[in-house]
Amino acid sequence: MAHKPRKRFGQNFLQDPTYQQRIASSISLKEGAKCLEIGPGKGAITAHLLKRFEHLDVIEMDRDLVELLQRKFPGPALQIHQ
């Protein structure tokens, strides 16, 4: 699904896979800690975080992106809050 960034949400989407991985791998949490991603957008970093954590909460305001995330990451590992 093509999604045009919306100015009102200040959307900018990280495209470079190298930086996506670097950002996700720089997160250091203690065992059992919860992880919250604010503004996951199209899920570029979300995909990397789901490989590391068994559960991830995300907050996304854009309805269209909520639907995209639900299709891209089905199952109980990702909890989307709108």
N, C-alpha and C. Protein backbone atom coordinates (compact mmCIF):
# COMPACT_ATOMS: atom_id res chain seq x y z
N MET A 1 0.85 -1.18 0.00
CA MET A 1 0.00 0.00 0.00
C MET A 1 0.89 1.24 0.00
N ALA A 2 0.65 2.10 -0.95
CA ALA A 2 1.39 3.36 -1.00
C ALA A 2 0.73 4.34 -0.04
N HIS A 3 1.54 4.94 0.78
CA HIS A 3 1.01 5.91 1.76
C HIS A 3 1.78 7.20 1.60
N LYS A 4 1.06 8.26 1.28
CA LYS A 4 1.69 9.56 1.14
C LYS A 4 1.81 10.18 2.53
N PRO A 5 3.03 10.60 2.91
CA PRO A 5 3.21 11.21 4.23
C PRO A 5 2.30 12.43 4.41
N ARG A 6 1.70 12.51 5.59
CA ARG A 6 0.78 13.60 5.90
C ARG A 6 1.47 14.65 6.76
N LYS A 7 1.42 15.88 6.27
CA LYS A 7 2.06 17.00 6.98
C LYS A 7 1.50 17.18 8.37
N ARG A 8 0.19 17.04 8.52
CA ARG A 8 -0.44 17.31 9.82
C ARG A 8 0.06 16.37 10.91
N PHE A 9 0.56 15.20 10.52
CA PHE A 9 1.12 14.27 11.49
C PHE A 9 2.64 14.38 11.56
N GLY A 10 3.22 15.23 10.71
CA GLY A 10 4.68 15.39 10.68
C GLY A 10 5.39 14.12 10.24
N GLN A 11 4.77 13.40 9.31
CA GLN A 11 5.31 12.10 8.91
C GLN A 11 6.52 12.22 7.99
N ASN A 12 7.53 11.46 8.35
CA ASN A 12 8.73 11.25 7.55
C ASN A 12 9.10 9.79 7.75
N PHE A 13 9.27 9.05 6.68
CA PHE A 13 9.50 7.62 6.80
C PHE A 13 10.95 7.26 6.52
N LEU A 14 11.55 6.54 7.46
CA LEU A 14 12.93 6.11 7.36
C LEU A 14 13.04 5.00 6.31
N GLN A 15 13.80 5.24 5.27
CA GLN A 15 13.89 4.32 4.13
C GLN A 15 15.14 3.43 4.16
N ASP A 16 16.22 3.91 4.72
CA ASP A 16 17.50 3.21 4.64
C ASP A 16 17.54 2.03 5.62
N PRO A 17 17.61 0.79 5.11
CA PRO A 17 17.63 -0.39 5.99
C PRO A 17 18.79 -0.40 6.97
N THR A 18 19.91 0.18 6.59
CA THR A 18 21.07 0.23 7.48
C THR A 18 20.74 1.02 8.74
N TYR A 19 20.12 2.17 8.57
CA TYR A 19 19.76 2.99 9.72
C TYR A 19 18.61 2.38 10.52
N GLN A 20 17.70 1.73 9.84
CA GLN A 20 16.61 1.04 10.55
C GLN A 20 17.20 0.02 11.53
N GLN A 21 18.12 -0.79 11.03
CA GLN A 21 18.76 -1.82 11.86
C GLN A 21 19.59 -1.19 12.97
N ARG A 22 20.34 -0.15 12.65
CA ARG A 22 21.18 0.50 13.66
C ARG A 22 20.35 1.08 14.80
N ILE A 23 19.25 1.70 14.46
CA ILE A 23 18.38 2.28 15.49
C ILE A 23 17.80 1.17 16.37
N ALA A 24 17.26 0.14 15.74
CA ALA A 24 16.65 -0.96 16.49
C ALA A 24 17.66 -1.68 17.38
N SER A 25 18.85 -1.90 16.87
CA SER A 25 19.85 -2.63 17.66
C SER A 25 20.47 -1.78 18.77
N SER A 26 20.30 -0.46 18.70
CA SER A 26 20.86 0.40 19.75
C SER A 26 20.00 0.42 21.01
N ILE A 27 18.82 -0.16 20.94
CA ILE A 27 17.92 -0.18 22.09
C ILE A 27 18.37 -1.28 23.05
N SER A 28 18.60 -0.88 24.28
CA SER A 28 19.05 -1.82 25.30
C SER A 28 18.06 -1.79 26.46
N LEU A 29 17.37 -2.90 26.65
CA LEU A 29 16.39 -3.01 27.72
C LEU A 29 16.75 -4.15 28.65
N LYS A 30 16.38 -4.00 29.91
CA LYS A 30 16.59 -5.07 30.87
C LYS A 30 15.62 -6.21 30.58
N GLU A 31 16.00 -7.39 31.02
CA GLU A 31 15.16 -8.58 30.87
C GLU A 31 13.76 -8.31 31.41
N GLY A 32 12.74 -8.61 30.62
CA GLY A 32 11.36 -8.46 31.05
C GLY A 32 10.79 -7.05 30.89
N ALA A 33 11.63 -6.11 30.45
CA ALA A 33 11.14 -4.73 30.27
C ALA A 33 10.19 -4.68 29.08
N LYS A 34 9.28 -3.71 29.12
CA LYS A 34 8.34 -3.53 28.02
C LYS A 34 8.91 -2.50 27.05
N CYS A 35 8.58 -2.67 25.78
CA CYS A 35 9.06 -1.77 24.75
C CYS A 35 7.86 -1.08 24.10
N LEU A 36 7.96 0.23 23.94
CA LEU A 36 6.90 1.04 23.34
C LEU A 36 7.50 1.87 22.22
N GLU A 37 6.93 1.74 21.03
CA GLU A 37 7.37 2.54 19.89
C GLU A 37 6.28 3.56 19.60
N ILE A 38 6.65 4.82 19.55
CA ILE A 38 5.70 5.90 19.27
C ILE A 38 5.88 6.32 17.82
N GLY A 39 4.78 6.24 17.06
CA GLY A 39 4.82 6.62 15.66
C GLY A 39 5.56 5.63 14.79
N PRO A 40 5.14 4.36 14.76
CA PRO A 40 5.85 3.36 13.98
C PRO A 40 5.76 3.55 12.46
N GLY A 41 4.84 4.40 12.02
CA GLY A 41 4.72 4.65 10.59
C GLY A 41 4.39 3.38 9.83
N LYS A 42 5.22 3.05 8.85
CA LYS A 42 5.01 1.85 8.03
C LYS A 42 5.62 0.60 8.66
N GLY A 43 6.26 0.74 9.81
CA GLY A 43 6.79 -0.41 10.53
C GLY A 43 8.21 -0.79 10.21
N ALA A 44 9.00 0.13 9.69
CA ALA A 44 10.39 -0.18 9.33
C ALA A 44 11.21 -0.63 10.53
N ILE A 45 11.14 0.12 11.61
CA ILE A 45 11.88 -0.24 12.82
C ILE A 45 11.10 -1.30 13.60
N THR A 46 9.79 -1.25 13.52
CA THR A 46 8.93 -2.23 14.19
C THR A 46 9.32 -3.65 13.81
N ALA A 47 9.57 -3.87 12.53
CA ALA A 47 9.95 -5.22 12.06
C ALA A 47 11.20 -5.71 12.77
N HIS A 48 12.19 -4.85 12.95
CA HIS A 48 13.42 -5.23 13.63
C HIS A 48 13.17 -5.47 15.13
N LEU A 49 12.33 -4.63 15.73
CA LEU A 49 12.04 -4.78 17.16
C LEU A 49 11.29 -6.08 17.44
N LEU A 50 10.40 -6.47 16.56
CA LEU A 50 9.65 -7.72 16.77
C LEU A 50 10.54 -8.95 16.69
N LYS A 51 11.68 -8.82 16.05
CA LYS A 51 12.64 -9.93 16.02
C LYS A 51 13.34 -10.07 17.36
N ARG A 52 13.41 -8.97 18.12
CA ARG A 52 14.13 -8.96 19.40
C ARG A 52 13.25 -9.13 20.61
N PHE A 53 12.02 -8.67 20.53
CA PHE A 53 11.12 -8.69 21.69
C PHE A 53 9.89 -9.53 21.37
N GLU A 54 9.44 -10.31 22.35
CA GLU A 54 8.28 -11.17 22.10
C GLU A 54 6.97 -10.39 22.06
N HIS A 55 6.98 -9.18 22.61
CA HIS A 55 5.78 -8.32 22.57
C HIS A 55 6.22 -6.87 22.40
N LEU A 56 5.47 -6.14 21.59
CA LEU A 56 5.77 -4.74 21.33
C LEU A 56 4.48 -3.95 21.28
N ASP A 57 4.43 -2.85 22.02
CA ASP A 57 3.31 -1.92 21.96
C ASP A 57 3.74 -0.75 21.08
N VAL A 58 2.82 -0.31 20.21
CA VAL A 58 3.08 0.86 19.37
C VAL A 58 1.90 1.81 19.45
N ILE A 59 2.17 3.09 19.30
CA ILE A 59 1.13 4.12 19.27
C ILE A 59 1.19 4.79 17.90
N GLU A 60 0.09 4.70 17.16
CA GLU A 60 0.02 5.30 15.83
C GLU A 60 -1.29 6.07 15.70
N MET A 61 -1.21 7.33 15.26
CA MET A 61 -2.40 8.18 15.13
C MET A 61 -3.09 8.05 13.78
N ASP A 62 -2.35 7.70 12.75
CA ASP A 62 -2.88 7.65 11.38
C ASP A 62 -3.64 6.34 11.16
N ARG A 63 -4.95 6.46 10.95
CA ARG A 63 -5.81 5.27 10.75
C ARG A 63 -5.32 4.37 9.63
N ASP A 64 -4.89 5.00 8.53
CA ASP A 64 -4.43 4.21 7.39
C ASP A 64 -3.20 3.38 7.75
N LEU A 65 -2.32 3.96 8.54
CA LEU A 65 -1.13 3.22 8.94
C LEU A 65 -1.44 2.14 9.97
N VAL A 66 -2.46 2.36 10.79
CA VAL A 66 -2.89 1.31 11.72
C VAL A 66 -3.31 0.08 10.93
N GLU A 67 -4.10 0.28 9.90
CA GLU A 67 -4.54 -0.84 9.05
C GLU A 67 -3.36 -1.52 8.37
N LEU A 68 -2.42 -0.73 7.88
CA LEU A 68 -1.23 -1.29 7.24
C LEU A 68 -0.44 -2.14 8.23
N LEU A 69 -0.25 -1.63 9.45
CA LEU A 69 0.49 -2.37 10.47
C LEU A 69 -0.22 -3.66 10.86
N GLN A 70 -1.54 -3.63 10.94
CA GLN A 70 -2.30 -4.84 11.29
C GLN A 70 -2.12 -5.92 10.23
N ARG A 71 -2.08 -5.52 8.97
CA ARG A 71 -1.88 -6.49 7.88
C ARG A 71 -0.43 -6.98 7.83
N LYS A 72 0.49 -6.08 8.06
CA LYS A 72 1.92 -6.40 7.96
C LYS A 72 2.41 -7.29 9.10
N PHE A 73 1.84 -7.08 10.30
CA PHE A 73 2.28 -7.81 11.48
C PHE A 73 1.08 -8.45 12.20
N PRO A 74 0.47 -9.47 11.58
CA PRO A 74 -0.68 -10.10 12.24
C PRO A 74 -0.22 -10.90 13.46
N GLY A 75 -1.12 -11.07 14.39
CA GLY A 75 -0.80 -11.88 15.55
C GLY A 75 -0.69 -11.08 16.83
N PRO A 76 -0.50 -11.78 17.93
CA PRO A 76 -0.54 -11.14 19.25
C PRO A 76 0.75 -10.41 19.67
N ALA A 77 1.84 -10.55 18.93
CA ALA A 77 3.11 -9.94 19.34
C ALA A 77 3.07 -8.41 19.29
N LEU A 78 2.27 -7.87 18.39
CA LEU A 78 2.18 -6.42 18.23
C LEU A 78 0.83 -5.91 18.73
N GLN A 79 0.87 -4.99 19.67
CA GLN A 79 -0.34 -4.35 20.19
C GLN A 79 -0.32 -2.91 19.70
N ILE A 80 -1.31 -2.56 18.86
CA ILE A 80 -1.38 -1.23 18.29
C ILE A 80 -2.39 -0.39 19.07
N HIS A 81 -1.95 0.77 19.52
CA HIS A 81 -2.83 1.71 20.22
C HIS A 81 -3.00 2.92 19.30
N GLN A 82 -4.27 3.27 19.06
CA GLN A 82 -4.52 4.39 18.17
C GLN A 82 -4.99 5.59 18.95
